[in-house]
Amino acid sequence: MNFETKYLIRWGIPGWMLIFWIGAYFALTEADYISAHLKFSDLGKLIGIFISLSIFGVVVGYIIHHLYFVANWIFNKNRIFDNAINLVENFPEPDNWKDNNKNDYFYFEVLWHENLLNINEDKRNYIVERYRYLLSTIHALGTVFVSHFLAFLFTVIATLYKCGCFSYPPMVIAMLIAQLVILFIAVSSFRYYSANLNYFQGSFLDKMLKNEI
């Protein structure tokens, strides 16, 4: 898979999921109107709309991708990388350690990559590929969470605007439950892979600093 295809899919998935939920909402709440006005002759137009939404979904997904990073950096004050550092015996802390969370993380990343360069290529390739897999999985789950959180907000706000109350139709309630289930799965998986990455980084950095690899 080349670079363009890989990133188009990565950015497209959260956008397509958000568009799917918005489309499903209108399909459920406006079913009578759609069935009354939709004709077989409009099939060509629907295909054109589907193609346009597929392209638009990549743009939306790209925005969601960056919303995830902004939220993760600005609103998340937890030093989750400390879980990895705690596994490193005699971690070389700089003089300004814990003065700035972002700078501390950048220092940790530089130290991690510097030590990767000091091991032989075969071992480094394995570690890098595993690290890349865990990191990309974490970011993918983060964007899935943001996408479904936005879908959940849209469903709640759109129904309140449409009905003016909390008396949601059964199908909309089922949609909200499905979105909440996916949100729960995304958060749980995000935490699992984050813990996995921290343990992986911390354990290998400890071994690299001790020249045990």
N, C-alpha and C. Protein backbone atom coordinates (compact mmCIF):
# COMPACT_ATOMS: atom_id res chain seq x y z
N MET A 1 0.85 -1.19 0.00
CA MET A 1 0.00 0.00 0.00
C MET A 1 0.89 1.24 0.00
N ASN A 2 0.68 2.12 -0.97
CA ASN A 2 1.53 3.29 -1.05
C ASN A 2 1.11 4.34 -0.03
N PHE A 3 1.93 5.39 0.07
CA PHE A 3 1.71 6.42 1.09
C PHE A 3 0.34 7.06 0.95
N GLU A 4 -0.04 7.44 -0.27
CA GLU A 4 -1.29 8.17 -0.46
C GLU A 4 -2.50 7.34 -0.05
N THR A 5 -2.52 6.08 -0.49
CA THR A 5 -3.66 5.21 -0.17
C THR A 5 -3.76 4.97 1.33
N LYS A 6 -2.62 4.71 1.96
CA LYS A 6 -2.61 4.42 3.40
C LYS A 6 -3.19 5.58 4.19
N TYR A 7 -2.77 6.79 3.88
CA TYR A 7 -3.24 7.93 4.65
C TYR A 7 -4.64 8.37 4.27
N LEU A 8 -5.04 8.14 3.02
CA LEU A 8 -6.42 8.43 2.63
C LEU A 8 -7.39 7.56 3.42
N ILE A 9 -7.03 6.28 3.58
CA ILE A 9 -7.89 5.37 4.35
C ILE A 9 -7.87 5.75 5.82
N ARG A 10 -6.68 6.07 6.36
CA ARG A 10 -6.57 6.44 7.78
C ARG A 10 -7.39 7.68 8.09
N TRP A 11 -7.34 8.68 7.21
CA TRP A 11 -8.11 9.90 7.43
C TRP A 11 -9.58 9.71 7.05
N GLY A 12 -9.83 8.81 6.09
CA GLY A 12 -11.20 8.65 5.62
C GLY A 12 -12.10 7.93 6.59
N ILE A 13 -11.58 6.92 7.30
CA ILE A 13 -12.42 6.09 8.17
C ILE A 13 -13.20 6.90 9.20
N PRO A 14 -12.57 7.77 10.00
CA PRO A 14 -13.38 8.54 10.97
C PRO A 14 -14.39 9.47 10.30
N GLY A 15 -14.03 10.03 9.14
CA GLY A 15 -14.97 10.89 8.42
C GLY A 15 -16.13 10.10 7.86
N TRP A 16 -15.86 8.94 7.30
CA TRP A 16 -16.92 8.09 6.75
C TRP A 16 -17.86 7.61 7.85
N MET A 17 -17.31 7.30 9.02
CA MET A 17 -18.15 6.85 10.13
C MET A 17 -19.08 7.97 10.59
N LEU A 18 -18.56 9.18 10.68
CA LEU A 18 -19.41 10.30 11.09
C LEU A 18 -20.51 10.55 10.07
N ILE A 19 -20.15 10.53 8.79
CA ILE A 19 -21.14 10.73 7.73
C ILE A 19 -22.16 9.60 7.74
N PHE A 20 -21.71 8.37 8.01
CA PHE A 20 -22.64 7.24 8.08
C PHE A 20 -23.70 7.46 9.15
N TRP A 21 -23.27 7.89 10.35
CA TRP A 21 -24.23 8.08 11.44
C TRP A 21 -25.18 9.23 11.15
N ILE A 22 -24.68 10.29 10.54
CA ILE A 22 -25.56 11.41 10.18
C ILE A 22 -26.56 10.96 9.12
N GLY A 23 -26.07 10.22 8.13
CA GLY A 23 -26.98 9.69 7.10
C GLY A 23 -28.00 8.73 7.66
N ALA A 24 -27.55 7.86 8.58
CA ALA A 24 -28.47 6.90 9.21
C ALA A 24 -29.53 7.62 10.02
N TYR A 25 -29.14 8.71 10.68
CA TYR A 25 -30.11 9.48 11.49
C TYR A 25 -31.22 10.03 10.60
N PHE A 26 -30.85 10.65 9.48
CA PHE A 26 -31.87 11.22 8.59
C PHE A 26 -32.68 10.13 7.90
N ALA A 27 -32.04 8.99 7.62
CA ALA A 27 -32.77 7.88 7.01
C ALA A 27 -33.84 7.34 7.95
N LEU A 28 -33.57 7.36 9.26
CA LEU A 28 -34.54 6.87 10.24
C LEU A 28 -35.61 7.90 10.55
N THR A 29 -35.21 9.15 10.71
CA THR A 29 -36.18 10.17 11.13
C THR A 29 -36.96 10.77 9.96
N GLU A 30 -36.43 10.63 8.76
CA GLU A 30 -37.12 11.18 7.58
C GLU A 30 -37.47 10.08 6.58
N ALA A 31 -37.74 8.89 7.10
CA ALA A 31 -38.00 7.74 6.22
C ALA A 31 -39.21 7.97 5.32
N ASP A 32 -40.29 8.55 5.86
CA ASP A 32 -41.50 8.76 5.07
C ASP A 32 -41.24 9.76 3.94
N TYR A 33 -40.53 10.81 4.25
CA TYR A 33 -40.24 11.83 3.23
C TYR A 33 -39.34 11.25 2.14
N ILE A 34 -38.34 10.49 2.54
CA ILE A 34 -37.42 9.91 1.56
C ILE A 34 -38.13 8.92 0.66
N SER A 35 -38.96 8.04 1.24
CA SER A 35 -39.67 7.04 0.44
C SER A 35 -40.66 7.68 -0.52
N ALA A 36 -41.22 8.85 -0.12
CA ALA A 36 -42.21 9.52 -0.97
C ALA A 36 -41.56 10.26 -2.14
N HIS A 37 -40.34 10.68 -1.99
CA HIS A 37 -39.69 11.50 -3.01
C HIS A 37 -38.59 10.78 -3.78
N LEU A 38 -38.12 9.65 -3.25
CA LEU A 38 -37.05 8.94 -3.92
C LEU A 38 -37.62 8.06 -5.04
N LYS A 39 -37.07 8.22 -6.23
CA LYS A 39 -37.51 7.44 -7.38
C LYS A 39 -36.32 6.65 -7.94
N PHE A 40 -36.66 5.61 -8.70
CA PHE A 40 -35.62 4.78 -9.29
C PHE A 40 -34.75 5.58 -10.26
N SER A 41 -35.37 6.59 -10.89
CA SER A 41 -34.63 7.42 -11.84
C SER A 41 -33.57 8.28 -11.16
N ASP A 42 -33.67 8.40 -9.84
CA ASP A 42 -32.70 9.20 -9.09
C ASP A 42 -31.47 8.39 -8.69
N LEU A 43 -31.38 7.15 -9.15
CA LEU A 43 -30.28 6.27 -8.75
C LEU A 43 -28.93 6.86 -9.15
N GLY A 44 -28.87 7.44 -10.34
CA GLY A 44 -27.62 8.04 -10.80
C GLY A 44 -27.19 9.19 -9.91
N LYS A 45 -28.16 9.98 -9.47
CA LYS A 45 -27.84 11.10 -8.58
C LYS A 45 -27.34 10.58 -7.24
N LEU A 46 -27.95 9.50 -6.76
CA LEU A 46 -27.53 8.93 -5.47
C LEU A 46 -26.10 8.41 -5.55
N ILE A 47 -25.75 7.80 -6.67
CA ILE A 47 -24.38 7.31 -6.84
C ILE A 47 -23.41 8.49 -6.83
N GLY A 48 -23.79 9.58 -7.51
CA GLY A 48 -22.95 10.77 -7.51
C GLY A 48 -22.78 11.36 -6.13
N ILE A 49 -23.88 11.37 -5.36
CA ILE A 49 -23.81 11.87 -3.99
C ILE A 49 -22.92 10.99 -3.13
N PHE A 50 -23.03 9.68 -3.33
CA PHE A 50 -22.22 8.73 -2.56
C PHE A 50 -20.73 8.95 -2.83
N ILE A 51 -20.38 9.14 -4.11
CA ILE A 51 -18.98 9.38 -4.46
C ILE A 51 -18.49 10.69 -3.85
N SER A 52 -19.34 11.73 -3.90
CA SER A 52 -18.96 13.02 -3.33
C SER A 52 -18.76 12.92 -1.82
N LEU A 53 -19.65 12.18 -1.16
CA LEU A 53 -19.53 12.00 0.29
C LEU A 53 -18.28 11.19 0.65
N SER A 54 -17.91 10.27 -0.22
CA SER A 54 -16.70 9.48 0.03
C SER A 54 -15.47 10.39 0.03
N ILE A 55 -15.43 11.31 -0.93
CA ILE A 55 -14.32 12.26 -0.99
C ILE A 55 -14.39 13.23 0.18
N PHE A 56 -15.60 13.73 0.46
CA PHE A 56 -15.80 14.67 1.56
C PHE A 56 -15.45 14.02 2.89
N GLY A 57 -15.69 12.71 3.00
CA GLY A 57 -15.38 11.99 4.24
C GLY A 57 -13.91 12.02 4.57
N VAL A 58 -13.04 12.02 3.54
CA VAL A 58 -11.60 12.10 3.78
C VAL A 58 -11.25 13.45 4.39
N VAL A 59 -11.87 14.51 3.88
CA VAL A 59 -11.63 15.86 4.41
C VAL A 59 -12.10 15.95 5.86
N VAL A 60 -13.31 15.45 6.11
CA VAL A 60 -13.85 15.45 7.47
C VAL A 60 -12.96 14.62 8.40
N GLY A 61 -12.54 13.45 7.92
CA GLY A 61 -11.68 12.60 8.72
C GLY A 61 -10.34 13.25 9.03
N TYR A 62 -9.81 14.00 8.08
CA TYR A 62 -8.55 14.71 8.31
C TYR A 62 -8.71 15.74 9.41
N ILE A 63 -9.85 16.44 9.41
CA ILE A 63 -10.13 17.43 10.46
C ILE A 63 -10.29 16.73 11.81
N ILE A 64 -11.01 15.60 11.82
CA ILE A 64 -11.20 14.83 13.06
C ILE A 64 -9.86 14.35 13.58
N HIS A 65 -8.99 13.92 12.66
CA HIS A 65 -7.66 13.45 13.04
C HIS A 65 -6.91 14.54 13.81
N HIS A 66 -7.01 15.77 13.34
CA HIS A 66 -6.30 16.87 14.01
C HIS A 66 -7.04 17.32 15.28
N LEU A 67 -8.36 17.20 15.29
CA LEU A 67 -9.10 17.49 16.52
C LEU A 67 -8.67 16.57 17.65
N TYR A 68 -8.44 15.32 17.29
CA TYR A 68 -7.98 14.34 18.28
C TYR A 68 -6.63 14.75 18.86
N PHE A 69 -5.70 15.16 18.00
CA PHE A 69 -4.38 15.56 18.49
C PHE A 69 -4.46 16.83 19.33
N VAL A 70 -5.28 17.79 18.90
CA VAL A 70 -5.43 19.03 19.66
C VAL A 70 -6.00 18.72 21.04
N ALA A 71 -7.06 17.90 21.08
CA ALA A 71 -7.68 17.55 22.36
C ALA A 71 -6.71 16.78 23.25
N ASN A 72 -5.92 15.91 22.63
CA ASN A 72 -5.00 15.09 23.40
C ASN A 72 -3.86 15.93 23.99
N TRP A 73 -3.43 16.95 23.27
CA TRP A 73 -2.33 17.77 23.76
C TRP A 73 -2.78 18.88 24.68
N ILE A 74 -3.94 19.49 24.38
CA ILE A 74 -4.38 20.67 25.15
C ILE A 74 -5.15 20.28 26.40
N PHE A 75 -6.10 19.34 26.26
CA PHE A 75 -7.00 19.03 27.36
C PHE A 75 -6.52 17.86 28.22
N ASN A 76 -5.65 17.04 27.68
CA ASN A 76 -5.15 15.90 28.45
C ASN A 76 -3.88 16.31 29.19
N LYS A 77 -4.00 16.49 30.49
CA LYS A 77 -2.87 16.94 31.31
C LYS A 77 -2.11 15.78 31.95
N ASN A 78 -2.55 14.56 31.69
CA ASN A 78 -1.89 13.40 32.28
C ASN A 78 -0.55 13.12 31.59
N ARG A 79 0.46 12.86 32.40
CA ARG A 79 1.78 12.49 31.87
C ARG A 79 1.83 10.98 31.71
N ILE A 80 1.09 10.48 30.72
CA ILE A 80 0.98 9.04 30.56
C ILE A 80 2.33 8.40 30.24
N PHE A 81 3.24 9.17 29.63
CA PHE A 81 4.55 8.62 29.30
C PHE A 81 5.38 8.33 30.56
N ASP A 82 4.96 8.88 31.71
CA ASP A 82 5.64 8.54 32.96
C ASP A 82 5.53 7.06 33.29
N ASN A 83 4.46 6.43 32.78
CA ASN A 83 4.30 4.99 33.00
C ASN A 83 5.43 4.20 32.33
N ALA A 84 5.92 4.71 31.22
CA ALA A 84 7.07 4.08 30.57
C ALA A 84 8.36 4.42 31.29
N ILE A 85 8.50 5.68 31.68
CA ILE A 85 9.73 6.13 32.35
C ILE A 85 9.93 5.40 33.67
N ASN A 86 8.84 5.09 34.36
CA ASN A 86 8.96 4.41 35.66
C ASN A 86 9.56 3.01 35.53
N LEU A 87 9.56 2.48 34.31
CA LEU A 87 10.15 1.16 34.08
C LEU A 87 11.64 1.23 33.78
N VAL A 88 12.13 2.47 33.63
CA VAL A 88 13.54 2.67 33.28
C VAL A 88 14.36 2.94 34.54
N GLU A 89 15.26 2.05 34.85
CA GLU A 89 16.13 2.25 36.00
C GLU A 89 17.18 3.32 35.69
N ASN A 90 17.33 4.29 36.60
CA ASN A 90 18.30 5.38 36.41
C ASN A 90 18.01 6.17 35.13
N PHE A 91 16.75 6.57 34.98
CA PHE A 91 16.38 7.38 33.81
C PHE A 91 17.13 8.71 33.86
N PRO A 92 17.82 9.11 32.78
CA PRO A 92 18.63 10.34 32.78
C PRO A 92 17.77 11.61 32.66
N GLU A 93 17.28 12.10 33.78
CA GLU A 93 16.43 13.29 33.77
C GLU A 93 17.26 14.55 33.55
N PRO A 94 16.82 15.45 32.67
CA PRO A 94 17.52 16.72 32.48
C PRO A 94 17.26 17.66 33.66
N ASP A 95 17.96 18.79 33.70
CA ASP A 95 17.82 19.72 34.83
C ASP A 95 16.43 20.33 34.92
N ASN A 96 15.79 20.56 33.78
CA ASN A 96 14.47 21.19 33.78
C ASN A 96 13.33 20.18 33.74
N TRP A 97 13.59 18.96 34.20
CA TRP A 97 12.58 17.90 34.17
C TRP A 97 11.36 18.28 34.98
N LYS A 98 10.17 18.07 34.41
CA LYS A 98 8.85 18.34 34.97
C LYS A 98 8.51 19.84 35.03
N ASP A 99 9.30 20.67 34.36
CA ASP A 99 8.93 22.08 34.23
C ASP A 99 7.88 22.27 33.14
N ASN A 100 7.92 21.40 32.14
CA ASN A 100 6.99 21.50 31.01
C ASN A 100 6.69 20.11 30.49
N ASN A 101 5.44 19.71 30.53
CA ASN A 101 5.05 18.35 30.13
C ASN A 101 5.40 18.04 28.68
N LYS A 102 5.16 19.01 27.79
CA LYS A 102 5.44 18.78 26.38
C LYS A 102 6.93 18.59 26.14
N ASN A 103 7.74 19.47 26.74
CA ASN A 103 9.20 19.35 26.57
C ASN A 103 9.72 18.04 27.14
N ASP A 104 9.12 17.60 28.24
CA ASP A 104 9.53 16.33 28.83
C ASP A 104 9.22 15.17 27.88
N TYR A 105 8.05 15.22 27.26
CA TYR A 105 7.69 14.16 26.31
C TYR A 105 8.61 14.19 25.10
N PHE A 106 8.92 15.39 24.62
CA PHE A 106 9.82 15.49 23.46
C PHE A 106 11.21 14.93 23.82
N TYR A 107 11.66 15.23 25.03
CA TYR A 107 12.96 14.72 25.48
C TYR A 107 12.93 13.19 25.53
N PHE A 108 11.85 12.64 26.07
CA PHE A 108 11.71 11.19 26.16
C PHE A 108 11.73 10.56 24.77
N GLU A 109 11.05 11.18 23.81
CA GLU A 109 11.03 10.65 22.45
C GLU A 109 12.41 10.70 21.80
N VAL A 110 13.12 11.81 22.01
CA VAL A 110 14.47 11.93 21.46
C VAL A 110 15.38 10.87 22.06
N LEU A 111 15.30 10.69 23.37
CA LEU A 111 16.12 9.68 24.04
C LEU A 111 15.81 8.29 23.51
N TRP A 112 14.54 8.02 23.29
CA TRP A 112 14.10 6.73 22.75
C TRP A 112 14.71 6.48 21.37
N HIS A 113 14.62 7.48 20.49
CA HIS A 113 15.12 7.31 19.13
C HIS A 113 16.65 7.29 19.09
N GLU A 114 17.29 8.07 19.93
CA GLU A 114 18.75 8.05 19.99
C GLU A 114 19.27 6.66 20.35
N ASN A 115 18.62 6.03 21.29
CA ASN A 115 19.07 4.70 21.71
C ASN A 115 18.72 3.63 20.69
N LEU A 116 17.65 3.84 19.93
CA LEU A 116 17.34 2.90 18.85
C LEU A 116 18.45 2.87 17.81
N LEU A 117 19.06 4.03 17.57
CA LEU A 117 20.12 4.11 16.57
C LEU A 117 21.39 3.37 17.00
N ASN A 118 21.50 3.04 18.27
CA ASN A 118 22.71 2.41 18.79
C ASN A 118 22.67 0.89 18.78
N ILE A 119 21.55 0.31 18.35
CA ILE A 119 21.45 -1.15 18.32
C ILE A 119 21.52 -1.63 16.88
N ASN A 120 21.75 -2.93 16.70
CA ASN A 120 21.92 -3.44 15.34
C ASN A 120 20.61 -3.37 14.56
N GLU A 121 20.73 -3.39 13.26
CA GLU A 121 19.61 -3.09 12.37
C GLU A 121 18.46 -4.07 12.51
N ASP A 122 18.74 -5.35 12.62
CA ASP A 122 17.67 -6.35 12.71
C ASP A 122 16.80 -6.14 13.95
N LYS A 123 17.43 -5.94 15.08
CA LYS A 123 16.68 -5.71 16.31
C LYS A 123 15.95 -4.38 16.26
N ARG A 124 16.62 -3.36 15.69
CA ARG A 124 15.99 -2.05 15.58
C ARG A 124 14.75 -2.10 14.71
N ASN A 125 14.82 -2.82 13.60
CA ASN A 125 13.68 -2.91 12.70
C ASN A 125 12.48 -3.54 13.38
N TYR A 126 12.72 -4.58 14.18
CA TYR A 126 11.62 -5.22 14.90
C TYR A 126 10.98 -4.24 15.88
N ILE A 127 11.82 -3.56 16.66
CA ILE A 127 11.31 -2.63 17.67
C ILE A 127 10.54 -1.49 17.02
N VAL A 128 11.11 -0.95 15.93
CA VAL A 128 10.47 0.18 15.25
C VAL A 128 9.11 -0.22 14.67
N GLU A 129 9.04 -1.39 14.05
CA GLU A 129 7.78 -1.83 13.46
C GLU A 129 6.71 -2.06 14.53
N ARG A 130 7.12 -2.66 15.63
CA ARG A 130 6.17 -2.89 16.73
C ARG A 130 5.71 -1.57 17.33
N TYR A 131 6.65 -0.66 17.51
CA TYR A 131 6.33 0.67 18.04
C TYR A 131 5.38 1.41 17.10
N ARG A 132 5.66 1.35 15.80
CA ARG A 132 4.81 2.02 14.82
C ARG A 132 3.40 1.44 14.83
N TYR A 133 3.31 0.11 14.94
CA TYR A 133 1.98 -0.53 14.98
C TYR A 133 1.18 -0.07 16.19
N LEU A 134 1.79 -0.09 17.37
CA LEU A 134 1.08 0.31 18.58
C LEU A 134 0.67 1.77 18.52
N LEU A 135 1.56 2.62 18.05
CA LEU A 135 1.27 4.05 18.00
C LEU A 135 0.17 4.36 17.00
N SER A 136 0.22 3.74 15.82
CA SER A 136 -0.82 3.99 14.82
C SER A 136 -2.17 3.45 15.27
N THR A 137 -2.16 2.34 15.99
CA THR A 137 -3.42 1.79 16.53
C THR A 137 -4.03 2.73 17.56
N ILE A 138 -3.19 3.28 18.42
CA ILE A 138 -3.67 4.23 19.43
C ILE A 138 -4.29 5.46 18.77
N HIS A 139 -3.62 6.01 17.77
CA HIS A 139 -4.15 7.19 17.09
C HIS A 139 -5.44 6.87 16.33
N ALA A 140 -5.50 5.68 15.73
CA ALA A 140 -6.71 5.28 15.02
C ALA A 140 -7.90 5.18 15.98
N LEU A 141 -7.67 4.60 17.15
CA LEU A 141 -8.73 4.48 18.15
C LEU A 141 -9.13 5.85 18.68
N GLY A 142 -8.16 6.76 18.80
CA GLY A 142 -8.47 8.11 19.24
C GLY A 142 -9.38 8.83 18.27
N THR A 143 -9.12 8.69 16.97
CA THR A 143 -9.97 9.34 15.98
C THR A 143 -11.35 8.69 15.90
N VAL A 144 -11.40 7.37 16.12
CA VAL A 144 -12.71 6.69 16.17
C VAL A 144 -13.53 7.24 17.33
N PHE A 145 -12.89 7.45 18.46
CA PHE A 145 -13.59 8.02 19.61
C PHE A 145 -14.13 9.40 19.30
N VAL A 146 -13.30 10.27 18.74
CA VAL A 146 -13.74 11.63 18.42
C VAL A 146 -14.88 11.60 17.41
N SER A 147 -14.76 10.74 16.40
CA SER A 147 -15.80 10.64 15.37
C SER A 147 -17.14 10.24 15.97
N HIS A 148 -17.14 9.23 16.84
CA HIS A 148 -18.40 8.77 17.42
C HIS A 148 -18.90 9.71 18.52
N PHE A 149 -18.00 10.41 19.16
CA PHE A 149 -18.44 11.42 20.12
C PHE A 149 -19.18 12.54 19.40
N LEU A 150 -18.65 12.97 18.25
CA LEU A 150 -19.33 13.98 17.44
C LEU A 150 -20.66 13.47 16.91
N ALA A 151 -20.69 12.19 16.52
CA ALA A 151 -21.93 11.59 16.03
C ALA A 151 -22.97 11.54 17.14
N PHE A 152 -22.53 11.20 18.35
CA PHE A 152 -23.44 11.15 19.50
C PHE A 152 -24.00 12.54 19.79
N LEU A 153 -23.14 13.54 19.79
CA LEU A 153 -23.59 14.92 20.02
C LEU A 153 -24.58 15.36 18.95
N PHE A 154 -24.27 15.03 17.70
CA PHE A 154 -25.17 15.40 16.61
C PHE A 154 -26.55 14.77 16.80
N THR A 155 -26.56 13.48 17.15
CA THR A 155 -27.84 12.77 17.32
C THR A 155 -28.66 13.39 18.43
N VAL A 156 -28.02 13.71 19.55
CA VAL A 156 -28.73 14.31 20.69
C VAL A 156 -29.25 15.69 20.33
N ILE A 157 -28.38 16.54 19.77
CA ILE A 157 -28.77 17.93 19.46
C ILE A 157 -29.82 17.97 18.36
N ALA A 158 -29.65 17.16 17.30
CA ALA A 158 -30.60 17.15 16.20
C ALA A 158 -31.98 16.69 16.66
N THR A 159 -32.02 15.70 17.55
CA THR A 159 -33.30 15.21 18.05
C THR A 159 -33.96 16.23 18.96
N LEU A 160 -33.18 16.90 19.80
CA LEU A 160 -33.73 17.96 20.63
C LEU A 160 -34.31 19.09 19.78
N TYR A 161 -33.60 19.44 18.71
CA TYR A 161 -34.08 20.50 17.82
C TYR A 161 -35.34 20.07 17.08
N LYS A 162 -35.38 18.80 16.70
CA LYS A 162 -36.51 18.30 15.91
C LYS A 162 -37.74 18.07 16.78
N CYS A 163 -37.52 17.47 17.97
CA CYS A 163 -38.64 17.11 18.85
C CYS A 163 -38.89 18.14 19.94
N GLY A 164 -37.85 18.87 20.30
CA GLY A 164 -37.99 19.86 21.37
C GLY A 164 -38.14 19.24 22.74
N CYS A 165 -37.74 17.98 22.87
CA CYS A 165 -37.87 17.32 24.17
C CYS A 165 -36.92 16.13 24.19
N PHE A 166 -36.95 15.39 25.31
CA PHE A 166 -36.10 14.21 25.44
C PHE A 166 -36.87 12.92 25.12
N SER A 167 -38.02 13.05 24.46
CA SER A 167 -38.81 11.89 24.07
C SER A 167 -38.30 11.39 22.71
N TYR A 168 -37.23 10.60 22.76
CA TYR A 168 -36.60 10.16 21.52
C TYR A 168 -37.33 8.96 20.94
N PRO A 169 -37.44 8.88 19.61
CA PRO A 169 -38.01 7.69 18.97
C PRO A 169 -37.16 6.45 19.30
N PRO A 170 -37.77 5.28 19.34
CA PRO A 170 -37.03 4.05 19.69
C PRO A 170 -35.80 3.80 18.82
N MET A 171 -35.90 4.06 17.52
CA MET A 171 -34.76 3.81 16.64
C MET A 171 -33.61 4.76 16.92
N VAL A 172 -33.93 5.99 17.31
CA VAL A 172 -32.89 6.96 17.66
C VAL A 172 -32.22 6.54 18.97
N ILE A 173 -33.02 6.04 19.91
CA ILE A 173 -32.45 5.53 21.17
C ILE A 173 -31.50 4.38 20.89
N ALA A 174 -31.91 3.48 19.98
CA ALA A 174 -31.05 2.35 19.62
C ALA A 174 -29.75 2.85 18.98
N MET A 175 -29.84 3.92 18.18
CA MET A 175 -28.66 4.50 17.57
C MET A 175 -27.73 5.07 18.62
N LEU A 176 -28.30 5.79 19.59
CA LEU A 176 -27.50 6.37 20.66
C LEU A 176 -26.81 5.29 21.49
N ILE A 177 -27.51 4.20 21.75
CA ILE A 177 -26.92 3.09 22.51
C ILE A 177 -25.75 2.49 21.73
N ALA A 178 -25.94 2.30 20.42
CA ALA A 178 -24.87 1.75 19.58
C ALA A 178 -23.65 2.66 19.59
N GLN A 179 -23.88 3.97 19.51
CA GLN A 179 -22.77 4.93 19.54
C GLN A 179 -22.04 4.89 20.88
N LEU A 180 -22.80 4.78 21.96
CA LEU A 180 -22.17 4.72 23.29
C LEU A 180 -21.37 3.44 23.46
N VAL A 181 -21.87 2.34 22.91
CA VAL A 181 -21.13 1.07 23.00
C VAL A 181 -19.81 1.18 22.26
N ILE A 182 -19.85 1.77 21.06
CA ILE A 182 -18.62 1.95 20.28
C ILE A 182 -17.67 2.90 20.99
N LEU A 183 -18.19 3.95 21.62
CA LEU A 183 -17.35 4.86 22.40
C LEU A 183 -16.66 4.12 23.54
N PHE A 184 -17.41 3.27 24.23
CA PHE A 184 -16.84 2.50 25.34
C PHE A 184 -15.74 1.56 24.83
N ILE A 185 -15.99 0.89 23.71
CA ILE A 185 -15.00 -0.02 23.15
C ILE A 185 -13.75 0.75 22.73
N ALA A 186 -13.94 1.92 22.11
CA ALA A 186 -12.81 2.73 21.65
C ALA A 186 -11.96 3.20 22.83
N VAL A 187 -12.61 3.66 23.90
CA VAL A 187 -11.87 4.12 25.08
C VAL A 187 -11.12 2.98 25.74
N SER A 188 -11.79 1.84 25.89
CA SER A 188 -11.16 0.68 26.52
C SER A 188 -9.96 0.21 25.72
N SER A 189 -10.11 0.14 24.40
CA SER A 189 -9.02 -0.30 23.55
C SER A 189 -7.89 0.73 23.54
N PHE A 190 -8.25 2.00 23.56
CA PHE A 190 -7.25 3.08 23.60
C PHE A 190 -6.38 2.95 24.85
N ARG A 191 -7.02 2.71 25.98
CA ARG A 191 -6.27 2.57 27.23
C ARG A 191 -5.39 1.32 27.21
N TYR A 192 -5.91 0.24 26.67
CA TYR A 192 -5.14 -1.01 26.61
C TYR A 192 -3.88 -0.83 25.76
N TYR A 193 -4.05 -0.29 24.56
CA TYR A 193 -2.89 -0.14 23.67
C TYR A 193 -1.93 0.93 24.18
N SER A 194 -2.44 1.95 24.87
CA SER A 194 -1.56 2.96 25.47
C SER A 194 -0.70 2.33 26.55
N ALA A 195 -1.32 1.50 27.39
CA ALA A 195 -0.56 0.80 28.43
C ALA A 195 0.45 -0.15 27.81
N ASN A 196 0.05 -0.82 26.74
CA ASN A 196 0.95 -1.74 26.03
C ASN A 196 2.15 -0.99 25.47
N LEU A 197 1.90 0.17 24.86
CA LEU A 197 2.99 0.97 24.30
C LEU A 197 3.93 1.47 25.39
N ASN A 198 3.38 1.95 26.50
CA ASN A 198 4.22 2.44 27.59
C ASN A 198 5.12 1.33 28.14
N TYR A 199 4.56 0.16 28.33
CA TYR A 199 5.35 -0.96 28.83
C TYR A 199 6.43 -1.36 27.82
N PHE A 200 6.04 -1.37 26.56
CA PHE A 200 6.98 -1.73 25.49
C PHE A 200 8.15 -0.74 25.44
N GLN A 201 7.82 0.56 25.42
CA GLN A 201 8.87 1.57 25.36
C GLN A 201 9.75 1.56 26.60
N GLY A 202 9.11 1.54 27.76
CA GLY A 202 9.87 1.58 29.00
C GLY A 202 10.79 0.40 29.16
N SER A 203 10.30 -0.80 28.85
CA SER A 203 11.11 -2.02 29.00
C SER A 203 12.30 -2.02 28.05
N PHE A 204 12.05 -1.66 26.81
CA PHE A 204 13.14 -1.67 25.83
C PHE A 204 14.13 -0.54 26.07
N LEU A 205 13.63 0.64 26.49
CA LEU A 205 14.56 1.74 26.77
C LEU A 205 15.46 1.39 27.95
N ASP A 206 14.90 0.73 28.95
CA ASP A 206 15.70 0.29 30.09
C ASP A 206 16.81 -0.66 29.65
N LYS A 207 16.47 -1.60 28.77
CA LYS A 207 17.46 -2.56 28.28
C LYS A 207 18.51 -1.87 27.41
N MET A 208 18.07 -0.91 26.59
CA MET A 208 19.00 -0.22 25.71
C MET A 208 19.99 0.64 26.52
N LEU A 209 19.49 1.30 27.56
CA LEU A 209 20.38 2.12 28.40
C LEU A 209 21.40 1.25 29.15
N LYS A 210 21.02 0.01 29.42
CA LYS A 210 21.92 -0.92 30.11
C LYS A 210 22.79 -1.73 29.15
N ASN A 211 22.61 -1.44 27.84
CA ASN A 211 23.36 -2.18 26.80
C ASN A 211 23.09 -3.68 26.86
N GLU A 212 21.82 -4.02 27.13
CA GLU A 212 21.45 -5.42 27.19
C GLU A 212 20.83 -5.92 25.91
N ILE A 213 20.76 -5.05 24.90
CA ILE A 213 20.20 -5.45 23.61
C ILE A 213 21.31 -5.39 22.55
